[in-house]
N, C-alpha and C. Protein backbone atom coordinates (compact mmCIF):
# COMPACT_ATOMS: atom_id res chain seq x y z
N MET A 1 0.85 -1.19 0.00
CA MET A 1 0.00 0.00 0.00
C MET A 1 0.89 1.24 0.00
N PRO A 2 0.59 2.23 -0.86
CA PRO A 2 1.41 3.43 -0.91
C PRO A 2 1.27 4.27 0.37
N LYS A 3 2.32 5.01 0.65
CA LYS A 3 2.31 5.87 1.84
C LYS A 3 1.33 7.03 1.64
N LEU A 4 0.52 7.29 2.66
CA LEU A 4 -0.41 8.40 2.61
C LEU A 4 0.17 9.57 3.38
N TYR A 5 -0.06 10.77 2.88
CA TYR A 5 0.43 11.99 3.52
C TYR A 5 -0.72 12.72 4.18
N SER A 6 -0.40 13.51 5.19
CA SER A 6 -1.40 14.37 5.80
C SER A 6 -1.38 15.73 5.11
N ALA A 7 -2.46 16.48 5.27
CA ALA A 7 -2.52 17.82 4.69
C ALA A 7 -1.39 18.69 5.23
N ARG A 8 -1.09 18.55 6.51
CA ARG A 8 -0.02 19.34 7.13
C ARG A 8 1.32 19.08 6.44
N GLN A 9 1.63 17.81 6.16
CA GLN A 9 2.89 17.47 5.49
C GLN A 9 2.94 18.06 4.08
N ILE A 10 1.83 17.95 3.37
CA ILE A 10 1.80 18.45 1.99
C ILE A 10 1.93 19.97 1.96
N ILE A 11 1.22 20.65 2.84
CA ILE A 11 1.29 22.12 2.87
C ILE A 11 2.69 22.58 3.25
N ARG A 12 3.31 21.93 4.22
CA ARG A 12 4.68 22.30 4.63
C ARG A 12 5.64 22.12 3.46
N ALA A 13 5.52 21.01 2.73
CA ALA A 13 6.39 20.76 1.59
C ALA A 13 6.17 21.80 0.49
N LEU A 14 4.91 22.13 0.22
CA LEU A 14 4.62 23.14 -0.80
C LEU A 14 5.16 24.51 -0.39
N GLN A 15 5.10 24.84 0.89
CA GLN A 15 5.65 26.12 1.34
C GLN A 15 7.17 26.13 1.16
N ARG A 16 7.82 25.01 1.38
CA ARG A 16 9.27 24.94 1.14
C ARG A 16 9.61 25.12 -0.33
N LEU A 17 8.64 24.79 -1.20
CA LEU A 17 8.83 24.96 -2.64
C LEU A 17 8.41 26.35 -3.12
N GLY A 18 8.02 27.23 -2.19
CA GLY A 18 7.72 28.62 -2.55
C GLY A 18 6.25 28.98 -2.61
N PHE A 19 5.37 28.06 -2.27
CA PHE A 19 3.94 28.36 -2.27
C PHE A 19 3.56 29.09 -0.99
N GLU A 20 2.54 29.94 -1.08
CA GLU A 20 2.03 30.67 0.08
C GLU A 20 0.56 30.35 0.27
N VAL A 21 0.14 30.21 1.52
CA VAL A 21 -1.28 30.00 1.82
C VAL A 21 -1.99 31.32 1.59
N VAL A 22 -3.03 31.32 0.74
CA VAL A 22 -3.74 32.56 0.45
C VAL A 22 -5.13 32.61 1.04
N SER A 23 -5.77 31.43 1.23
CA SER A 23 -7.10 31.44 1.83
C SER A 23 -7.49 30.04 2.28
N GLN A 24 -8.54 30.01 3.07
CA GLN A 24 -9.13 28.74 3.49
C GLN A 24 -10.63 28.91 3.51
N LYS A 25 -11.33 27.95 2.93
CA LYS A 25 -12.78 27.96 2.94
C LYS A 25 -13.23 26.59 3.41
N GLY A 26 -13.77 26.54 4.60
CA GLY A 26 -14.11 25.25 5.19
C GLY A 26 -12.85 24.46 5.46
N SER A 27 -12.78 23.24 4.94
CA SER A 27 -11.61 22.41 5.19
C SER A 27 -10.64 22.42 4.01
N HIS A 28 -10.80 23.33 3.07
CA HIS A 28 -9.92 23.39 1.91
C HIS A 28 -9.00 24.61 1.98
N ILE A 29 -7.70 24.34 1.86
CA ILE A 29 -6.68 25.37 1.98
C ILE A 29 -6.11 25.64 0.58
N LYS A 30 -6.11 26.90 0.20
CA LYS A 30 -5.65 27.31 -1.13
C LYS A 30 -4.27 27.93 -1.02
N LEU A 31 -3.35 27.45 -1.85
CA LEU A 31 -1.99 27.99 -1.90
C LEU A 31 -1.76 28.60 -3.27
N ARG A 32 -0.71 29.44 -3.40
CA ARG A 32 -0.45 30.07 -4.68
C ARG A 32 1.05 30.30 -4.85
N LYS A 33 1.50 30.19 -6.10
CA LYS A 33 2.89 30.50 -6.46
C LYS A 33 2.89 31.00 -7.90
N ARG A 34 3.63 32.07 -8.13
CA ARG A 34 3.76 32.61 -9.48
C ARG A 34 5.17 32.30 -9.99
N VAL A 35 5.21 31.74 -11.22
CA VAL A 35 6.49 31.39 -11.85
C VAL A 35 6.44 31.83 -13.30
N ASN A 36 7.27 32.79 -13.67
CA ASN A 36 7.38 33.26 -15.06
C ASN A 36 6.01 33.55 -15.68
N GLY A 37 5.17 34.27 -14.96
CA GLY A 37 3.87 34.64 -15.48
C GLY A 37 2.79 33.59 -15.31
N GLN A 38 3.17 32.39 -14.92
CA GLN A 38 2.18 31.33 -14.65
C GLN A 38 1.82 31.34 -13.19
N VAL A 39 0.56 31.05 -12.90
CA VAL A 39 0.09 30.98 -11.52
C VAL A 39 -0.36 29.55 -11.22
N PHE A 40 0.23 28.97 -10.18
CA PHE A 40 -0.15 27.64 -9.73
C PHE A 40 -0.93 27.79 -8.43
N SER A 41 -2.14 27.21 -8.38
CA SER A 41 -3.01 27.35 -7.21
C SER A 41 -3.56 26.00 -6.76
N PRO A 42 -2.74 25.19 -6.08
CA PRO A 42 -3.26 23.92 -5.58
C PRO A 42 -4.20 24.13 -4.40
N ILE A 43 -5.20 23.29 -4.28
CA ILE A 43 -6.13 23.32 -3.16
C ILE A 43 -5.99 22.01 -2.41
N VAL A 44 -5.69 22.10 -1.11
CA VAL A 44 -5.42 20.93 -0.29
C VAL A 44 -6.53 20.77 0.75
N PRO A 45 -7.23 19.62 0.75
CA PRO A 45 -8.23 19.40 1.80
C PRO A 45 -7.52 19.14 3.13
N ASN A 46 -8.00 19.74 4.19
CA ASN A 46 -7.35 19.63 5.50
C ASN A 46 -7.79 18.33 6.18
N HIS A 47 -7.21 17.20 5.72
CA HIS A 47 -7.53 15.89 6.25
C HIS A 47 -6.28 15.23 6.82
N ARG A 48 -6.48 14.26 7.68
CA ARG A 48 -5.34 13.53 8.27
C ARG A 48 -4.62 12.68 7.24
N GLU A 49 -5.37 12.10 6.32
CA GLU A 49 -4.79 11.29 5.26
C GLU A 49 -5.36 11.73 3.92
N ILE A 50 -4.46 12.01 2.98
CA ILE A 50 -4.87 12.40 1.63
C ILE A 50 -4.70 11.17 0.75
N VAL A 51 -5.78 10.71 0.11
CA VAL A 51 -5.72 9.52 -0.74
C VAL A 51 -4.92 9.81 -2.01
N MET A 52 -4.44 8.76 -2.67
CA MET A 52 -3.54 8.91 -3.81
C MET A 52 -4.15 9.72 -4.96
N GLY A 53 -5.40 9.52 -5.27
CA GLY A 53 -6.02 10.28 -6.36
C GLY A 53 -6.05 11.77 -6.08
N THR A 54 -6.34 12.13 -4.82
CA THR A 54 -6.35 13.54 -4.43
C THR A 54 -4.93 14.10 -4.45
N LEU A 55 -3.97 13.31 -3.99
CA LEU A 55 -2.57 13.75 -4.02
C LEU A 55 -2.12 14.02 -5.45
N GLN A 56 -2.47 13.14 -6.37
CA GLN A 56 -2.09 13.34 -7.77
C GLN A 56 -2.71 14.62 -8.33
N SER A 57 -3.94 14.93 -7.93
CA SER A 57 -4.59 16.15 -8.37
C SER A 57 -3.87 17.38 -7.80
N ILE A 58 -3.47 17.31 -6.54
CA ILE A 58 -2.73 18.41 -5.90
C ILE A 58 -1.41 18.63 -6.63
N LEU A 59 -0.70 17.55 -6.94
CA LEU A 59 0.59 17.66 -7.63
C LEU A 59 0.41 18.27 -9.01
N ARG A 60 -0.65 17.89 -9.71
CA ARG A 60 -0.93 18.43 -11.05
C ARG A 60 -1.23 19.93 -10.95
N GLN A 61 -2.04 20.33 -9.95
CA GLN A 61 -2.38 21.74 -9.77
C GLN A 61 -1.14 22.56 -9.41
N ALA A 62 -0.20 21.94 -8.67
CA ALA A 62 0.99 22.65 -8.23
C ALA A 62 2.09 22.64 -9.28
N GLY A 63 1.97 21.77 -10.28
CA GLY A 63 2.99 21.69 -11.33
C GLY A 63 4.28 21.07 -10.84
N ILE A 64 4.19 20.12 -9.89
CA ILE A 64 5.39 19.46 -9.36
C ILE A 64 5.21 17.95 -9.46
N THR A 65 6.31 17.23 -9.25
CA THR A 65 6.28 15.76 -9.27
C THR A 65 6.23 15.23 -7.84
N LYS A 66 5.91 13.95 -7.71
CA LYS A 66 5.88 13.31 -6.40
C LYS A 66 7.28 13.30 -5.78
N GLU A 67 8.30 13.16 -6.62
CA GLU A 67 9.68 13.17 -6.13
C GLU A 67 10.03 14.53 -5.50
N GLU A 68 9.60 15.62 -6.14
CA GLU A 68 9.84 16.95 -5.58
C GLU A 68 9.13 17.10 -4.24
N LEU A 69 7.93 16.58 -4.16
CA LEU A 69 7.18 16.64 -2.90
C LEU A 69 7.92 15.84 -1.83
N ASP A 70 8.34 14.61 -2.16
CA ASP A 70 9.04 13.74 -1.21
C ASP A 70 10.32 14.38 -0.69
N GLU A 71 11.05 15.10 -1.55
CA GLU A 71 12.30 15.75 -1.14
C GLU A 71 12.07 16.86 -0.12
N ASN A 72 10.86 17.42 -0.09
CA ASN A 72 10.58 18.56 0.78
C ASN A 72 9.71 18.23 1.97
N ILE A 73 9.35 16.96 2.14
CA ILE A 73 8.55 16.58 3.31
C ILE A 73 9.44 16.38 4.49
């Protein structure tokens, strides 16, 4: 079974990669990073365990790979 991450771990790793928390609505935390005119805005649900499909969606929204995330956790 693949390792599951918590929202806290994912948000901390994204902040190390330059993302900033911009808002929270309910249990969803929105981060943002601007790179060369592009804006990446991943939304992370504030849960204890993030399932793999949701993690893949977060990585796609952030424009990073799982390896980059793992290096910063």
